[in-house]
Amino acid sequence: MELSKIQKEVHEWVSQYGGYWPPLSMFARLVEETGELGRELNHVYGMKKRKEEEKIKEIGDEIGDVLLTIIMISDSLEIDLENVFDKTMQKINSRDKDRTKKDN
């Protein structure tokens, strides 16, 4: 699915529930969701294993929560994610072209 279609779907969903939170509130939510992703990565790949009473969460689900929150922030600020992503890829392809060796 194209990013523009995803943004439209999220916007339509948010519009049903009173609209977007203020940007800083959504950023706080992003930090919370990113922390949950970090905790799951730590449980699976890190030194800190899950406590027996802790609920098992899927890493993909946590990434989805982070992605949704980023989309909400972008939508509320009228940022076109496809355009931003294209510009970012151009930037890193130009900036980093000689920094690392490409796989053949």
PDB file of N, CA and C in Angstrom:
ATOM      1  N   MET A   1       0.846  -1.178   0.000  1.00  0.00           N
ATOM      2  CA  MET A   1       0.000   0.000   0.000  1.00  0.00           C
ATOM      3  C   MET A   1       0.892   1.242   0.000  1.00  0.00           C
ATOM      4  N   GLU A   2       0.506   2.232  -0.786  1.00  0.00           N
ATOM      5  CA  GLU A   2       1.262   3.477  -0.863  1.00  0.00           C
ATOM      6  C   GLU A   2       1.130   4.269   0.435  1.00  0.00           C
ATOM      7  N   LEU A   3       2.175   4.994   0.764  1.00  0.00           N
ATOM      8  CA  LEU A   3       2.155   5.795   1.990  1.00  0.00           C
ATOM      9  C   LEU A   3       1.012   6.804   1.990  1.00  0.00           C
ATOM     10  N   SER A   4       0.714   7.384   0.828  1.00  0.00           N
ATOM     11  CA  SER A   4      -0.376   8.367   0.776  1.00  0.00           C
ATOM     12  C   SER A   4      -1.713   7.722   1.123  1.00  0.00           C
ATOM     13  N   LYS A   5      -1.917   6.493   0.690  1.00  0.00           N
ATOM     14  CA  LYS A   5      -3.160   5.781   1.020  1.00  0.00           C
ATOM     15  C   LYS A   5      -3.203   5.425   2.504  1.00  0.00           C
ATOM     16  N   ILE A   6      -2.059   5.058   3.048  1.00  0.00           N
ATOM     17  CA  ILE A   6      -1.986   4.755   4.481  1.00  0.00           C
ATOM     18  C   ILE A   6      -2.298   6.013   5.281  1.00  0.00           C
ATOM     19  N   GLN A   7      -1.699   7.139   4.884  1.00  0.00           N
ATOM     20  CA  GLN A   7      -1.967   8.393   5.589  1.00  0.00           C
ATOM     21  C   GLN A   7      -3.446   8.757   5.519  1.00  0.00           C
ATOM     22  N   LYS A   8      -4.059   8.551   4.367  1.00  0.00           N
ATOM     23  CA  LYS A   8      -5.485   8.862   4.214  1.00  0.00           C
ATOM     24  C   LYS A   8      -6.322   7.973   5.124  1.00  0.00           C
ATOM     25  N   GLU A   9      -6.000   6.687   5.172  1.00  0.00           N
ATOM     26  CA  GLU A   9      -6.740   5.757   6.025  1.00  0.00           C
ATOM     27  C   GLU A   9      -6.624   6.151   7.501  1.00  0.00           C
ATOM     28  N   VAL A  10      -5.422   6.488   7.927  1.00  0.00           N
ATOM     29  CA  VAL A  10      -5.216   6.901   9.316  1.00  0.00           C
ATOM     30  C   VAL A  10      -5.981   8.195   9.595  1.00  0.00           C
ATOM     31  N   HIS A  11      -5.913   9.144   8.666  1.00  0.00           N
ATOM     32  CA  HIS A  11      -6.616  10.417   8.854  1.00  0.00           C
ATOM     33  C   HIS A  11      -8.124  10.187   9.003  1.00  0.00           C
ATOM     34  N   GLU A  12      -8.677   9.329   8.165  1.00  0.00           N
ATOM     35  CA  GLU A  12     -10.111   9.035   8.251  1.00  0.00           C
ATOM     36  C   GLU A  12     -10.456   8.384   9.585  1.00  0.00           C
ATOM     37  N   TRP A  13      -9.599   7.511  10.069  1.00  0.00           N
ATOM     38  CA  TRP A  13      -9.845   6.851  11.354  1.00  0.00           C
ATOM     39  C   TRP A  13      -9.785   7.867  12.493  1.00  0.00           C
ATOM     40  N   VAL A  14      -8.727   8.689  12.507  1.00  0.00           N
ATOM     41  CA  VAL A  14      -8.557   9.679  13.574  1.00  0.00           C
ATOM     42  C   VAL A  14      -9.722  10.669  13.581  1.00  0.00           C
ATOM     43  N   SER A  15     -10.200  11.034  12.404  1.00  0.00           N
ATOM     44  CA  SER A  15     -11.290  12.009  12.298  1.00  0.00           C
ATOM     45  C   SER A  15     -12.572  11.530  12.974  1.00  0.00           C
ATOM     46  N   GLN A  16     -12.737  10.234  13.107  1.00  0.00           N
ATOM     47  CA  GLN A  16     -13.925   9.670  13.759  1.00  0.00           C
ATOM     48  C   GLN A  16     -13.873   9.813  15.276  1.00  0.00           C
ATOM     49  N   TYR A  17     -12.699  10.097  15.816  1.00  0.00           N
ATOM     50  CA  TYR A  17     -12.506  10.092  17.269  1.00  0.00           C
ATOM     51  C   TYR A  17     -12.017  11.433  17.804  1.00  0.00           C
ATOM     52  N   GLY A  18     -12.501  12.500  17.230  1.00  0.00           N
ATOM     53  CA  GLY A  18     -12.190  13.816  17.784  1.00  0.00           C
ATOM     54  C   GLY A  18     -10.938  14.476  17.252  1.00  0.00           C
ATOM     55  N   GLY A  19     -10.280  13.875  16.290  1.00  0.00           N
ATOM     56  CA  GLY A  19      -9.108  14.495  15.679  1.00  0.00           C
ATOM     57  C   GLY A  19      -7.806  14.177  16.400  1.00  0.00           C
ATOM     58  N   TYR A  20      -6.780  14.856  15.947  1.00  0.00           N
ATOM     59  CA  TYR A  20      -5.425  14.598  16.437  1.00  0.00           C
ATOM     60  C   TYR A  20      -5.178  15.242  17.790  1.00  0.00           C
ATOM     61  N   TRP A  21      -4.308  14.609  18.555  1.00  0.00           N
ATOM     62  CA  TRP A  21      -3.819  15.213  19.789  1.00  0.00           C
ATOM     63  C   TRP A  21      -2.846  16.325  19.405  1.00  0.00           C
ATOM     64  N   PRO A  22      -2.510  17.198  20.343  1.00  0.00           N
ATOM     65  CA  PRO A  22      -1.457  18.188  20.071  1.00  0.00           C
ATOM     66  C   PRO A  22      -0.137  17.466  19.745  1.00  0.00           C
ATOM     67  N   PRO A  23       0.700  18.072  18.889  1.00  0.00           N
ATOM     68  CA  PRO A  23       1.940  17.412  18.472  1.00  0.00           C
ATOM     69  C   PRO A  23       2.811  16.908  19.622  1.00  0.00           C
ATOM     70  N   LEU A  24       2.967  17.682  20.678  1.00  0.00           N
ATOM     71  CA  LEU A  24       3.824  17.224  21.779  1.00  0.00           C
ATOM     72  C   LEU A  24       3.214  16.037  22.515  1.00  0.00           C
ATOM     73  N   SER A  25       1.899  15.972  22.582  1.00  0.00           N
ATOM     74  CA  SER A  25       1.245  14.809  23.193  1.00  0.00           C
ATOM     75  C   SER A  25       1.458  13.565  22.342  1.00  0.00           C
ATOM     76  N   MET A  26       1.386  13.741  21.023  1.00  0.00           N
ATOM     77  CA  MET A  26       1.642  12.596  20.139  1.00  0.00           C
ATOM     78  C   MET A  26       3.106  12.184  20.207  1.00  0.00           C
ATOM     79  N   PHE A  27       3.999  13.155  20.369  1.00  0.00           N
ATOM     80  CA  PHE A  27       5.410  12.818  20.524  1.00  0.00           C
ATOM     81  C   PHE A  27       5.629  12.012  21.801  1.00  0.00           C
ATOM     82  N   ALA A  28       4.968  12.403  22.870  1.00  0.00           N
ATOM     83  CA  ALA A  28       5.068  11.627  24.117  1.00  0.00           C
ATOM     84  C   ALA A  28       4.580  10.205  23.880  1.00  0.00           C
ATOM     85  N   ARG A  29       3.523  10.055  23.102  1.00  0.00           N
ATOM     86  CA  ARG A  29       3.012   8.727  22.768  1.00  0.00           C
ATOM     87  C   ARG A  29       4.040   7.949  21.949  1.00  0.00           C
ATOM     88  N   LEU A  30       4.718   8.635  21.022  1.00  0.00           N
ATOM     89  CA  LEU A  30       5.760   7.993  20.223  1.00  0.00           C
ATOM     90  C   LEU A  30       6.888   7.491  21.111  1.00  0.00           C
ATOM     91  N   VAL A  31       7.290   8.285  22.084  1.00  0.00           N
ATOM     92  CA  VAL A  31       8.335   7.871  23.025  1.00  0.00           C
ATOM     93  C   VAL A  31       7.876   6.635  23.794  1.00  0.00           C
ATOM     94  N   GLU A  32       6.631   6.634  24.235  1.00  0.00           N
ATOM     95  CA  GLU A  32       6.080   5.480  24.952  1.00  0.00           C
ATOM     96  C   GLU A  32       6.105   4.229  24.075  1.00  0.00           C
ATOM     97  N   GLU A  33       5.626   4.359  22.848  1.00  0.00           N
ATOM     98  CA  GLU A  33       5.587   3.204  21.944  1.00  0.00           C
ATOM     99  C   GLU A  33       6.994   2.732  21.588  1.00  0.00           C
ATOM    100  N   THR A  34       7.922   3.670  21.415  1.00  0.00           N
ATOM    101  CA  THR A  34       9.309   3.309  21.122  1.00  0.00           C
ATOM    102  C   THR A  34       9.928   2.570  22.302  1.00  0.00           C
ATOM    103  N   GLY A  35       9.590   2.981  23.509  1.00  0.00           N
ATOM    104  CA  GLY A  35      10.059   2.278  24.705  1.00  0.00           C
ATOM    105  C   GLY A  35       9.546   0.851  24.758  1.00  0.00           C
ATOM    106  N   GLU A  36       8.279   0.662  24.379  1.00  0.00           N
ATOM    107  CA  GLU A  36       7.718  -0.691  24.358  1.00  0.00           C
ATOM    108  C   GLU A  36       8.424  -1.549  23.314  1.00  0.00           C
ATOM    109  N   LEU A  37       8.750  -0.969  22.164  1.00  0.00           N
ATOM    110  CA  LEU A  37       9.514  -1.692  21.145  1.00  0.00           C
ATOM    111  C   LEU A  37      10.893  -2.058  21.687  1.00  0.00           C
ATOM    112  N   GLY A  38      11.552  -1.106  22.328  1.00  0.00           N
ATOM    113  CA  GLY A  38      12.869  -1.364  22.906  1.00  0.00           C
ATOM    114  C   GLY A  38      12.839  -2.470  23.943  1.00  0.00           C
ATOM    115  N   ARG A  39      11.797  -2.477  24.765  1.00  0.00           N
ATOM    116  CA  ARG A  39      11.670  -3.520  25.784  1.00  0.00           C
ATOM    117  C   ARG A  39      11.541  -4.894  25.128  1.00  0.00           C
ATOM    118  N   GLU A  40      10.736  -4.990  24.080  1.00  0.00           N
ATOM    119  CA  GLU A  40      10.576  -6.280  23.404  1.00  0.00           C
ATOM    120  C   GLU A  40      11.868  -6.722  22.732  1.00  0.00           C
ATOM    121  N   LEU A  41      12.571  -5.790  22.091  1.00  0.00           N
ATOM    122  CA  LEU A  41      13.862  -6.134  21.489  1.00  0.00           C
ATOM    123  C   LEU A  41      14.839  -6.612  22.551  1.00  0.00           C
ATOM    124  N   ASN A  42      14.828  -5.970  23.699  1.00  0.00           N
ATOM    125  CA  ASN A  42      15.703  -6.361  24.801  1.00  0.00           C
ATOM    126  C   ASN A  42      15.339  -7.751  25.315  1.00  0.00           C
ATOM    127  N   HIS A  43      14.048  -8.032  25.410  1.00  0.00           N
ATOM    128  CA  HIS A  43      13.623  -9.351  25.881  1.00  0.00           C
ATOM    129  C   HIS A  43      14.066 -10.462  24.925  1.00  0.00           C
ATOM    130  N   VAL A  44      14.002 -10.184  23.632  1.00  0.00           N
ATOM    131  CA  VAL A  44      14.324 -11.218  22.643  1.00  0.00           C
ATOM    132  C   VAL A  44      15.820 -11.285  22.354  1.00  0.00           C
ATOM    133  N   TYR A  45      16.475 -10.124  22.224  1.00  0.00           N
ATOM    134  CA  TYR A  45      17.864 -10.103  21.768  1.00  0.00           C
ATOM    135  C   TYR A  45      18.862  -9.593  22.800  1.00  0.00           C
ATOM    136  N   GLY A  46      18.382  -9.043  23.877  1.00  0.00           N
ATOM    137  CA  GLY A  46      19.270  -8.403  24.836  1.00  0.00           C
ATOM    138  C   GLY A  46      19.535  -9.232  26.069  1.00  0.00           C
ATOM    139  N   MET A  47      20.113  -8.577  27.037  1.00  0.00           N
ATOM    140  CA  MET A  47      20.508  -9.228  28.280  1.00  0.00           C
ATOM    141  C   MET A  47      19.344  -9.377  29.253  1.00  0.00           C
ATOM    142  N   LYS A  48      18.348  -8.509  29.141  1.00  0.00           N
ATOM    143  CA  LYS A  48      17.248  -8.511  30.101  1.00  0.00           C
ATOM    144  C   LYS A  48      16.102  -9.370  29.574  1.00  0.00           C
ATOM    145  N   LYS A  49      15.935 -10.512  30.156  1.00  0.00           N
ATOM    146  CA  LYS A  49      14.883 -11.424  29.717  1.00  0.00           C
ATOM    147  C   LYS A  49      13.557 -11.054  30.368  1.00  0.00           C
ATOM    148  N   ARG A  50      12.507 -11.472  29.737  1.00  0.00           N
ATOM    149  CA  ARG A  50      11.148 -11.183  30.191  1.00  0.00           C
ATOM    150  C   ARG A  50      10.873 -11.834  31.543  1.00  0.00           C
ATOM    151  N   LYS A  51      10.160 -11.096  32.413  1.00  0.00           N
ATOM    152  CA  LYS A  51       9.701 -11.675  33.674  1.00  0.00           C
ATOM    153  C   LYS A  51       8.564 -12.634  33.367  1.00  0.00           C
ATOM    154  N   GLU A  52       8.408 -13.638  34.187  1.00  0.00           N
ATOM    155  CA  GLU A  52       7.372 -14.640  33.937  1.00  0.00           C
ATOM    156  C   GLU A  52       5.984 -14.034  33.843  1.00  0.00           C
ATOM    157  N   GLU A  53       5.718 -12.999  34.633  1.00  0.00           N
ATOM    158  CA  GLU A  53       4.381 -12.405  34.643  1.00  0.00           C
ATOM    159  C   GLU A  53       4.161 -11.399  33.505  1.00  0.00           C
ATOM    160  N   GLU A  54       5.237 -11.071  32.747  1.00  0.00           N
ATOM    161  CA  GLU A  54       5.091 -10.103  31.665  1.00  0.00           C
ATOM    162  C   GLU A  54       4.453 -10.747  30.441  1.00  0.00           C
ATOM    163  N   LYS A  55       3.536 -10.002  29.846  1.00  0.00           N
ATOM    164  CA  LYS A  55       2.843 -10.460  28.651  1.00  0.00           C
ATOM    165  C   LYS A  55       3.812 -10.490  27.468  1.00  0.00           C
ATOM    166  N   ILE A  56       3.738 -11.538  26.673  1.00  0.00           N
ATOM    167  CA  ILE A  56       4.563 -11.639  25.475  1.00  0.00           C
ATOM    168  C   ILE A  56       3.935 -10.769  24.390  1.00  0.00           C
ATOM    169  N   LYS A  57       4.733  -9.899  23.811  1.00  0.00           N
ATOM    170  CA  LYS A  57       4.274  -9.045  22.722  1.00  0.00           C
ATOM    171  C   LYS A  57       5.127  -9.332  21.494  1.00  0.00           C
ATOM    172  N   GLU A  58       4.543  -9.160  20.343  1.00  0.00           N
ATOM    173  CA  GLU A  58       5.260  -9.360  19.091  1.00  0.00           C
ATOM    174  C   GLU A  58       6.019  -8.083  18.725  1.00  0.00           C
ATOM    175  N   ILE A  59       7.257  -8.231  18.301  1.00  0.00           N
ATOM    176  CA  ILE A  59       8.059  -7.082  17.899  1.00  0.00           C
ATOM    177  C   ILE A  59       7.385  -6.356  16.736  1.00  0.00           C
ATOM    178  N   GLY A  60       6.839  -7.100  15.797  1.00  0.00           N
ATOM    179  CA  GLY A  60       6.151  -6.481  14.662  1.00  0.00           C
ATOM    180  C   GLY A  60       4.976  -5.622  15.091  1.00  0.00           C
ATOM    181  N   ASP A  61       4.246  -6.076  16.111  1.00  0.00           N
ATOM    182  CA  ASP A  61       3.124  -5.281  16.624  1.00  0.00           C
ATOM    183  C   ASP A  61       3.611  -3.968  17.216  1.00  0.00           C
ATOM    184  N   GLU A  62       4.740  -4.021  17.907  1.00  0.00           N
ATOM    185  CA  GLU A  62       5.289  -2.806  18.506  1.00  0.00           C
ATOM    186  C   GLU A  62       5.787  -1.842  17.424  1.00  0.00           C
ATOM    187  N   ILE A  63       6.390  -2.377  16.368  1.00  0.00           N
ATOM    188  CA  ILE A  63       6.806  -1.533  15.242  1.00  0.00           C
ATOM    189  C   ILE A  63       5.579  -0.889  14.604  1.00  0.00           C
ATOM    190  N   GLY A  64       4.497  -1.655  14.493  1.00  0.00           N
ATOM    191  CA  GLY A  64       3.253  -1.104  13.960  1.00  0.00           C
ATOM    192  C   GLY A  64       2.738   0.059  14.781  1.00  0.00           C
ATOM    193  N   ASP A  65       2.832  -0.042  16.107  1.00  0.00           N
ATOM    194  CA  ASP A  65       2.395   1.052  16.982  1.00  0.00           C
ATOM    195  C   ASP A  65       3.256   2.301  16.781  1.00  0.00           C
ATOM    196  N   VAL A  66       4.568   2.102  16.627  1.00  0.00           N
ATOM    197  CA  VAL A  66       5.472   3.230  16.375  1.00  0.00           C
ATOM    198  C   VAL A  66       5.129   3.871  15.029  1.00  0.00           C
ATOM    199  N   LEU A  67       4.942   3.038  14.017  1.00  0.00           N
ATOM    200  CA  LEU A  67       4.623   3.536  12.679  1.00  0.00           C
ATOM    201  C   LEU A  67       3.315   4.320  12.676  1.00  0.00           C
ATOM    202  N   LEU A  68       2.290   3.788  13.317  1.00  0.00           N
ATOM    203  CA  LEU A  68       1.002   4.477  13.381  1.00  0.00           C
ATOM    204  C   LEU A  68       1.154   5.850  14.028  1.00  0.00           C
ATOM    205  N   THR A  69       1.915   5.925  15.092  1.00  0.00           N
ATOM    206  CA  THR A  69       2.093   7.195  15.788  1.00  0.00           C
ATOM    207  C   THR A  69       2.856   8.195  14.927  1.00  0.00           C
ATOM    208  N   ILE A  70       3.865   7.734  14.204  1.00  0.00           N
ATOM    209  CA  ILE A  70       4.596   8.617  13.287  1.00  0.00           C
ATOM    210  C   ILE A  70       3.665   9.131  12.192  1.00  0.00           C
ATOM    211  N   ILE A  71       2.816   8.262  11.678  1.00  0.00           N
ATOM    212  CA  ILE A  71       1.858   8.682  10.654  1.00  0.00           C
ATOM    213  C   ILE A  71       0.897   9.723  11.214  1.00  0.00           C
ATOM    214  N   MET A  72       0.437   9.522  12.436  1.00  0.00           N
ATOM    215  CA  MET A  72      -0.475  10.494  13.049  1.00  0.00           C
ATOM    216  C   MET A  72       0.197  11.857  13.218  1.00  0.00           C
ATOM    217  N   ILE A  73       1.438  11.860  13.678  1.00  0.00           N
ATOM    218  CA  ILE A  73       2.159  13.128  13.820  1.00  0.00           C
ATOM    219  C   ILE A  73       2.294  13.801  12.455  1.00  0.00           C
ATOM    220  N   SER A  74       2.688  13.029  11.454  1.00  0.00           N
ATOM    221  CA  SER A  74       2.863  13.565  10.102  1.00  0.00           C
ATOM    222  C   SER A  74       1.566  14.139   9.561  1.00  0.00           C
ATOM    223  N   ASP A  75       0.480  13.390   9.717  1.00  0.00           N
ATOM    224  CA  ASP A  75      -0.819  13.865   9.227  1.00  0.00           C
ATOM    225  C   ASP A  75      -1.231  15.156   9.904  1.00  0.00           C
ATOM    226  N   SER A  76      -1.058  15.216  11.201  1.00  0.00           N
ATOM    227  CA  SER A  76      -1.496  16.404  11.941  1.00  0.00           C
ATOM    228  C   SER A  76      -0.724  17.647  11.516  1.00  0.00           C
ATOM    229  N   LEU A  77       0.494  17.456  11.036  1.00  0.00           N
ATOM    230  CA  LEU A  77       1.337  18.567  10.589  1.00  0.00           C
ATOM    231  C   LEU A  77       1.317  18.735   9.069  1.00  0.00           C
ATOM    232  N   GLU A  78       0.432  17.951   8.411  1.00  0.00           N
ATOM    233  CA  GLU A  78       0.276  17.981   6.951  1.00  0.00           C
ATOM    234  C   GLU A  78       1.596  17.721   6.229  1.00  0.00           C
ATOM    235  N   ILE A  79       2.306  16.710   6.695  1.00  0.00           N
ATOM    236  CA  ILE A  79       3.571  16.296   6.088  1.00  0.00           C
ATOM    237  C   ILE A  79       3.303  15.087   5.202  1.00  0.00           C
ATOM    238  N   ASP A  80       3.711  15.183   3.938  1.00  0.00           N
ATOM    239  CA  ASP A  80       3.548  14.103   2.968  1.00  0.00           C
ATOM    240  C   ASP A  80       4.701  13.116   3.167  1.00  0.00           C
ATOM    241  N   LEU A  81       4.391  11.945   3.711  1.00  0.00           N
ATOM    242  CA  LEU A  81       5.444  10.976   4.035  1.00  0.00           C
ATOM    243  C   LEU A  81       6.155  10.436   2.799  1.00  0.00           C
ATOM    244  N   GLU A  82       5.452  10.296   1.681  1.00  0.00           N
ATOM    245  CA  GLU A  82       6.117   9.824   0.462  1.00  0.00           C
ATOM    246  C   GLU A  82       7.189  10.819   0.029  1.00  0.00           C
ATOM    247  N   ASN A  83       6.854  12.101   0.048  1.00  0.00           N
ATOM    248  CA  ASN A  83       7.805  13.145  -0.324  1.00  0.00           C
ATOM    249  C   ASN A  83       8.988  13.173   0.641  1.00  0.00           C
ATOM    250  N   VAL A  84       8.696  13.110   1.929  1.00  0.00           N
ATOM    251  CA  VAL A  84       9.750  13.125   2.945  1.00  0.00           C
ATOM    252  C   VAL A  84      10.661  11.909   2.795  1.00  0.00           C
ATOM    253  N   PHE A  85      10.068  10.739   2.560  1.00  0.00           N
ATOM    254  CA  PHE A  85      10.863   9.521   2.407  1.00  0.00           C
ATOM    255  C   PHE A  85      11.755   9.612   1.171  1.00  0.00           C
ATOM    256  N   ASP A  86      11.187  10.079   0.041  1.00  0.00           N
ATOM    257  CA  ASP A  86      11.988  10.223  -1.178  1.00  0.00           C
ATOM    258  C   ASP A  86      13.174  11.160  -0.949  1.00  0.00           C
ATOM    259  N   LYS A  87      12.935  12.291  -0.299  1.00  0.00           N
ATOM    260  CA  LYS A  87      14.015  13.243  -0.019  1.00  0.00           C
ATOM    261  C   LYS A  87      15.065  12.627   0.901  1.00  0.00           C
ATOM    262  N   THR A  88      14.618  11.859   1.874  1.00  0.00           N
ATOM    263  CA  THR A  88      15.559  11.219   2.797  1.00  0.00           C
ATOM    264  C   THR A  88      16.416  10.188   2.067  1.00  0.00           C
ATOM    265  N   MET A  89      15.804   9.396   1.189  1.00  0.00           N
ATOM    266  CA  MET A  89      16.572   8.399   0.437  1.00  0.00           C
ATOM    267  C   MET A  89      17.584   9.077  -0.487  1.00  0.00           C
ATOM    268  N   GLN A  90      17.183  10.172  -1.128  1.00  0.00           N
ATOM    269  CA  GLN A  90      18.125  10.916  -1.971  1.00  0.00           C
ATOM    270  C   GLN A  90      19.297  11.425  -1.137  1.00  0.00           C
ATOM    271  N   LYS A  91      18.980  11.932   0.034  1.00  0.00           N
ATOM    272  CA  LYS A  91      20.016  12.475   0.917  1.00  0.00           C
ATOM    273  C   LYS A  91      21.006  11.388   1.322  1.00  0.00           C
ATOM    274  N   ILE A  92      20.493  10.234   1.791  1.00  0.00           N
ATOM    275  CA  ILE A  92      21.434   9.213   2.265  1.00  0.00           C
ATOM    276  C   ILE A  92      22.182   8.556   1.116  1.00  0.00           C
ATOM    277  N   ASN A  93      21.535   8.426  -0.047  1.00  0.00           N
ATOM    278  CA  ASN A  93      22.238   7.857  -1.198  1.00  0.00           C
ATOM    279  C   ASN A  93      23.361   8.765  -1.661  1.00  0.00           C
ATOM    280  N   SER A  94      23.157  10.059  -1.566  1.00  0.00           N
ATOM    281  CA  SER A  94      24.200  11.013  -1.944  1.00  0.00           C
ATOM    282  C   SER A  94      25.267  11.116  -0.858  1.00  0.00           C
ATOM    283  N   ARG A  95      24.822  11.298   0.364  1.00  0.00           N
ATOM    284  CA  ARG A  95      25.738  11.517   1.485  1.00  0.00           C
ATOM    285  C   ARG A  95      26.566  10.275   1.808  1.00  0.00           C
ATOM    286  N   ASP A  96      25.947   9.111   1.745  1.00  0.00           N
ATOM    287  CA  ASP A  96      26.595   7.892   2.228  1.00  0.00           C
ATOM    288  C   ASP A  96      27.140   7.001   1.117  1.00  0.00           C
ATOM    289  N   LYS A  97      27.145   7.473  -0.120  1.00  0.00           N
ATOM    290  CA  LYS A  97      27.534   6.605  -1.229  1.00  0.00           C
ATOM    291  C   LYS A  97      28.955   6.066  -1.103  1.00  0.00           C
ATOM    292  N   ASP A  98      29.851   6.811  -0.472  1.00  0.00           N
ATOM    293  CA  ASP A  98      31.236   6.361  -0.338  1.00  0.00           C
ATOM    294  C   ASP A  98      31.591   5.953   1.088  1.00  0.00           C
ATOM    295  N   ARG A  99      30.609   5.965   1.978  1.00  0.00           N
ATOM    296  CA  ARG A  99      30.885   5.646   3.387  1.00  0.00           C
ATOM    297  C   ARG A  99      31.007   4.152   3.647  1.00  0.00           C
ATOM    298  N   THR A 100      30.248   3.381   2.926  1.00  0.00           N
ATOM    299  CA  THR A 100      30.262   1.940   3.150  1.00  0.00           C
ATOM    300  C   THR A 100      30.397   1.213   1.828  1.00  0.00           C
ATOM    301  N   LYS A 101      30.826  -0.021   1.913  1.00  0.00           N
ATOM    302  CA  LYS A 101      30.992  -0.849   0.728  1.00  0.00           C
ATOM    303  C   LYS A 101      29.664  -1.525   0.414  1.00  0.00           C
ATOM    304  N   LYS A 102      29.244  -1.438  -0.845  1.00  0.00           N
ATOM    305  CA  LYS A 102      28.003  -2.077  -1.266  1.00  0.00           C
ATOM    306  C   LYS A 102      28.218  -3.571  -1.439  1.00  0.00           C
ATOM    307  N   ASP A 103      27.165  -4.328  -1.122  1.00  0.00           N
ATOM    308  CA  ASP A 103      27.184  -5.760  -1.399  1.00  0.00           C
ATOM    309  C   ASP A 103      27.005  -5.963  -2.900  1.00  0.00           C
ATOM    310  N   ASN A 104      27.681  -6.950  -3.434  1.00  0.00           N
ATOM    311  CA  ASN A 104      27.539  -7.239  -4.876  1.00  0.00           C
ATOM    312  C   ASN A 104      26.415  -8.172  -5.126  1.00  0.00           C
TER     313      ASN A 104
END
